[in-house]
Amino acid sequence: MPTDDFFHGRLDQMIDLRHPLAVLANRLPWPQIEAALAPAFERKNRQGEVVEIDDLFDTTLVIAGGGVSAAGRPRLPIRLMVSLLYLKHAFNLSDEELVNRWSENVVWQYFSGQVYYTPKLPCDATQIGRFRTAIGESGV
């Protein structure tokens, strides 16, 4: 199977696809998991509040803070965050240990849905706790 990128090897060509995590990665219903957790991360429409603004001619009522904000950092993929939570609990690791070991382990990266090996951290360790809080106890 040829690689898509000449300078990078695909993870599925680097690992033994019979490894338990590779088998689990191919058997888990990732689309259903992502669809179940996606509503927790939708941007919500805020009503805003009515504020009086004094201008040169009169007082004007304006709605401040309403609508859907597009500001902020782009979200990390749900599959990546779910797989990090799974690996954290399966191997009993702290958030810091988890992200460090993930950056070195090609099987873990394959399990997380990565196509190519990347030696950098998947996210900041604090984002794992925030993700866990956002999905709540029922999501975990």
C-alpha atoms as a PDB file:
ATOM      1  CA  MET A   1       0.000   0.000   0.000  1.00  0.00           C
ATOM      2  CA  PRO A   2       1.633   3.302  -1.045  1.00  0.00           C
ATOM      3  CA  THR A   3       1.899   6.143   1.386  1.00  0.00           C
ATOM      4  CA  ASP A   4       0.021   9.379   0.759  1.00  0.00           C
ATOM      5  CA  ASP A   5       2.919  11.479   2.007  1.00  0.00           C
ATOM      6  CA  PHE A   6       6.388  10.642   0.713  1.00  0.00           C
ATOM      7  CA  PHE A   7       8.180  11.808   3.890  1.00  0.00           C
ATOM      8  CA  HIS A   8       5.870  10.254   6.480  1.00  0.00           C
ATOM      9  CA  GLY A   9       4.996   6.626   7.053  1.00  0.00           C
ATOM     10  CA  ARG A  10       1.408   5.704   7.797  1.00  0.00           C
ATOM     11  CA  LEU A  11       0.746   4.333  11.285  1.00  0.00           C
ATOM     12  CA  ASP A  12      -1.159   1.329   9.926  1.00  0.00           C
ATOM     13  CA  GLN A  13       2.052   0.327   8.135  1.00  0.00           C
ATOM     14  CA  MET A  14       4.212   0.762  11.262  1.00  0.00           C
ATOM     15  CA  ILE A  15       2.255  -1.295  13.769  1.00  0.00           C
ATOM     16  CA  ASP A  16       0.989  -4.830  14.096  1.00  0.00           C
ATOM     17  CA  LEU A  17      -2.726  -4.521  13.350  1.00  0.00           C
ATOM     18  CA  ARG A  18      -3.326  -7.541  15.607  1.00  0.00           C
ATOM     19  CA  HIS A  19      -2.332  -5.490  18.660  1.00  0.00           C
ATOM     20  CA  PRO A  20      -5.331  -5.353  21.056  1.00  0.00           C
ATOM     21  CA  LEU A  21      -5.625  -1.552  20.830  1.00  0.00           C
ATOM     22  CA  ALA A  22      -5.459  -1.637  17.027  1.00  0.00           C
ATOM     23  CA  VAL A  23      -8.197  -4.266  16.940  1.00  0.00           C
ATOM     24  CA  LEU A  24     -10.288  -2.224  19.389  1.00  0.00           C
ATOM     25  CA  ALA A  25      -9.747   0.927  17.309  1.00  0.00           C
ATOM     26  CA  ASN A  26     -11.165  -0.833  14.262  1.00  0.00           C
ATOM     27  CA  ARG A  27     -14.142  -2.315  16.143  1.00  0.00           C
ATOM     28  CA  LEU A  28     -15.376   0.637  18.176  1.00  0.00           C
ATOM     29  CA  PRO A  29     -18.324   2.545  16.672  1.00  0.00           C
ATOM     30  CA  TRP A  30     -16.493   5.886  16.465  1.00  0.00           C
ATOM     31  CA  PRO A  31     -19.184   7.695  14.439  1.00  0.00           C
ATOM     32  CA  GLN A  32     -21.861   6.814  17.025  1.00  0.00           C
ATOM     33  CA  ILE A  33     -19.601   7.837  19.923  1.00  0.00           C
ATOM     34  CA  GLU A  34     -18.846  11.178  18.275  1.00  0.00           C
ATOM     35  CA  ALA A  35     -22.530  11.760  17.458  1.00  0.00           C
ATOM     36  CA  ALA A  36     -23.525  11.042  21.066  1.00  0.00           C
ATOM     37  CA  LEU A  37     -20.980  13.491  22.505  1.00  0.00           C
ATOM     38  CA  ALA A  38     -21.211  16.254  19.870  1.00  0.00           C
ATOM     39  CA  PRO A  39     -24.233  18.043  21.436  1.00  0.00           C
ATOM     40  CA  ALA A  40     -22.137  18.815  24.535  1.00  0.00           C
ATOM     41  CA  PHE A  41     -19.771  20.887  22.352  1.00  0.00           C
ATOM     42  CA  GLU A  42     -22.198  22.813  20.154  1.00  0.00           C
ATOM     43  CA  ARG A  43     -21.978  26.550  20.308  1.00  0.00           C
ATOM     44  CA  LYS A  44     -25.089  27.760  22.064  1.00  0.00           C
ATOM     45  CA  ASN A  45     -27.164  30.766  21.115  1.00  0.00           C
ATOM     46  CA  ARG A  46     -27.096  33.363  23.893  1.00  0.00           C
ATOM     47  CA  GLN A  47     -30.007  35.736  24.397  1.00  0.00           C
ATOM     48  CA  GLY A  48     -27.889  38.693  25.457  1.00  0.00           C
ATOM     49  CA  GLU A  49     -29.145  41.607  27.483  1.00  0.00           C
ATOM     50  CA  VAL A  50     -30.621  44.973  26.639  1.00  0.00           C
ATOM     51  CA  VAL A  51     -28.245  47.861  27.354  1.00  0.00           C
ATOM     52  CA  GLU A  52     -28.856  51.603  27.111  1.00  0.00           C
ATOM     53  CA  ILE A  53     -26.254  53.508  25.108  1.00  0.00           C
ATOM     54  CA  ASP A  54     -26.100  57.298  25.207  1.00  0.00           C
ATOM     55  CA  ASP A  55     -25.106  58.824  21.897  1.00  0.00           C
ATOM     56  CA  LEU A  56     -25.067  62.411  20.661  1.00  0.00           C
ATOM     57  CA  PHE A  57     -28.768  62.621  19.976  1.00  0.00           C
ATOM     58  CA  ASP A  58     -30.619  60.291  22.350  1.00  0.00           C
ATOM     59  CA  THR A  59     -30.494  57.120  24.420  1.00  0.00           C
ATOM     60  CA  THR A  60     -30.590  53.938  22.325  1.00  0.00           C
ATOM     61  CA  LEU A  61     -31.423  50.415  23.456  1.00  0.00           C
ATOM     62  CA  VAL A  62     -29.032  47.765  22.096  1.00  0.00           C
ATOM     63  CA  ILE A  63     -28.757  43.988  22.668  1.00  0.00           C
ATOM     64  CA  ALA A  64     -25.272  43.159  23.944  1.00  0.00           C
ATOM     65  CA  GLY A  65     -23.718  39.694  24.074  1.00  0.00           C
ATOM     66  CA  GLY A  66     -26.364  37.971  21.972  1.00  0.00           C
ATOM     67  CA  GLY A  67     -26.007  35.400  19.208  1.00  0.00           C
ATOM     68  CA  VAL A  68     -23.552  32.601  18.589  1.00  0.00           C
ATOM     69  CA  SER A  69     -19.908  33.411  19.129  1.00  0.00           C
ATOM     70  CA  ALA A  70     -17.366  32.067  16.651  1.00  0.00           C
ATOM     71  CA  ALA A  71     -14.484  33.184  18.827  1.00  0.00           C
ATOM     72  CA  GLY A  72     -12.089  30.849  20.564  1.00  0.00           C
ATOM     73  CA  ARG A  73      -9.649  28.120  19.775  1.00  0.00           C
ATOM     74  CA  PRO A  74     -10.816  25.338  17.427  1.00  0.00           C
ATOM     75  CA  ARG A  75     -11.855  22.191  19.243  1.00  0.00           C
ATOM     76  CA  LEU A  76      -9.774  19.044  19.212  1.00  0.00           C
ATOM     77  CA  PRO A  77     -11.372  16.014  17.546  1.00  0.00           C
ATOM     78  CA  ILE A  78     -13.810  14.164  19.814  1.00  0.00           C
ATOM     79  CA  ARG A  79     -12.258  10.806  18.880  1.00  0.00           C
ATOM     80  CA  LEU A  80      -8.846  12.012  20.065  1.00  0.00           C
ATOM     81  CA  MET A  81     -10.207  13.199  23.404  1.00  0.00           C
ATOM     82  CA  VAL A  82     -12.321  10.066  23.959  1.00  0.00           C
ATOM     83  CA  SER A  83      -9.367   7.821  23.178  1.00  0.00           C
ATOM     84  CA  LEU A  84      -7.163   9.807  25.567  1.00  0.00           C
ATOM     85  CA  LEU A  85      -9.737   9.306  28.336  1.00  0.00           C
ATOM     86  CA  TYR A  86      -9.837   5.582  27.578  1.00  0.00           C
ATOM     87  CA  LEU A  87      -6.037   5.252  27.628  1.00  0.00           C
ATOM     88  CA  LYS A  88      -5.816   7.280  30.836  1.00  0.00           C
ATOM     89  CA  HIS A  89      -8.153   4.926  32.661  1.00  0.00           C
ATOM     90  CA  ALA A  90      -6.879   1.727  31.019  1.00  0.00           C
ATOM     91  CA  PHE A  91      -3.263   2.410  32.012  1.00  0.00           C
ATOM     92  CA  ASN A  92      -3.986   4.372  35.234  1.00  0.00           C
ATOM     93  CA  LEU A  93      -1.988   7.456  34.204  1.00  0.00           C
ATOM     94  CA  SER A  94      -2.078  11.092  35.203  1.00  0.00           C
ATOM     95  CA  ASP A  95      -2.983  13.621  32.519  1.00  0.00           C
ATOM     96  CA  GLU A  96       0.654  14.716  32.163  1.00  0.00           C
ATOM     97  CA  GLU A  97       1.962  11.154  31.893  1.00  0.00           C
ATOM     98  CA  LEU A  98      -0.726  10.343  29.356  1.00  0.00           C
ATOM     99  CA  VAL A  99       0.086  13.119  26.890  1.00  0.00           C
ATOM    100  CA  ASN A 100       3.825  12.429  27.167  1.00  0.00           C
ATOM    101  CA  ARG A 101       3.434   8.704  26.537  1.00  0.00           C
ATOM    102  CA  TRP A 102       0.939   9.306  23.721  1.00  0.00           C
ATOM    103  CA  SER A 103       3.501  11.365  21.817  1.00  0.00           C
ATOM    104  CA  GLU A 104       5.928   8.412  21.892  1.00  0.00           C
ATOM    105  CA  ASN A 105       3.544   5.506  21.265  1.00  0.00           C
ATOM    106  CA  VAL A 106       2.502   4.764  17.682  1.00  0.00           C
ATOM    107  CA  VAL A 107      -0.177   2.258  18.703  1.00  0.00           C
ATOM    108  CA  TRP A 108      -1.854   4.842  20.945  1.00  0.00           C
ATOM    109  CA  GLN A 109      -1.776   7.359  18.107  1.00  0.00           C
ATOM    110  CA  TYR A 110      -3.366   4.816  15.754  1.00  0.00           C
ATOM    111  CA  PHE A 111      -6.036   4.098  18.380  1.00  0.00           C
ATOM    112  CA  SER A 112      -6.729   7.849  18.564  1.00  0.00           C
ATOM    113  CA  GLY A 113      -7.430   8.059  14.844  1.00  0.00           C
ATOM    114  CA  GLN A 114      -4.157   9.578  13.696  1.00  0.00           C
ATOM    115  CA  VAL A 115      -2.968   8.596  10.231  1.00  0.00           C
ATOM    116  CA  TYR A 116       0.690   9.657  10.516  1.00  0.00           C
ATOM    117  CA  TYR A 117       3.082   9.549  13.453  1.00  0.00           C
ATOM    118  CA  THR A 118       3.525  12.881  15.192  1.00  0.00           C
ATOM    119  CA  PRO A 119       6.118  13.360  17.950  1.00  0.00           C
ATOM    120  CA  LYS A 120       4.317  16.338  19.515  1.00  0.00           C
ATOM    121  CA  LEU A 121       1.861  16.304  22.412  1.00  0.00           C
ATOM    122  CA  PRO A 122      -1.785  15.757  21.404  1.00  0.00           C
ATOM    123  CA  CYS A 123      -3.034  18.545  23.656  1.00  0.00           C
ATOM    124  CA  ASP A 124      -2.310  20.342  26.877  1.00  0.00           C
ATOM    125  CA  ALA A 125      -2.840  18.051  29.869  1.00  0.00           C
ATOM    126  CA  THR A 126      -5.448  20.398  31.345  1.00  0.00           C
ATOM    127  CA  GLN A 127      -7.692  19.943  28.291  1.00  0.00           C
ATOM    128  CA  ILE A 128      -8.359  16.330  29.269  1.00  0.00           C
ATOM    129  CA  GLY A 129      -9.935  17.437  32.540  1.00  0.00           C
ATOM    130  CA  ARG A 130     -11.969  20.115  30.774  1.00  0.00           C
ATOM    131  CA  PHE A 131     -13.225  17.576  28.236  1.00  0.00           C
ATOM    132  CA  ARG A 132     -14.205  15.182  31.025  1.00  0.00           C
ATOM    133  CA  THR A 133     -16.101  18.004  32.755  1.00  0.00           C
ATOM    134  CA  ALA A 134     -17.856  19.026  29.537  1.00  0.00           C
ATOM    135  CA  ILE A 135     -19.214  15.552  28.763  1.00  0.00           C
ATOM    136  CA  GLY A 136     -20.196  14.956  32.379  1.00  0.00           C
ATOM    137  CA  GLU A 137     -20.568  11.727  34.281  1.00  0.00           C
ATOM    138  CA  SER A 138     -23.048  10.287  31.763  1.00  0.00           C
ATOM    139  CA  GLY A 139     -20.628  10.909  28.882  1.00  0.00           C
ATOM    140  CA  VAL A 140     -17.737   9.210  30.634  1.00  0.00           C
END
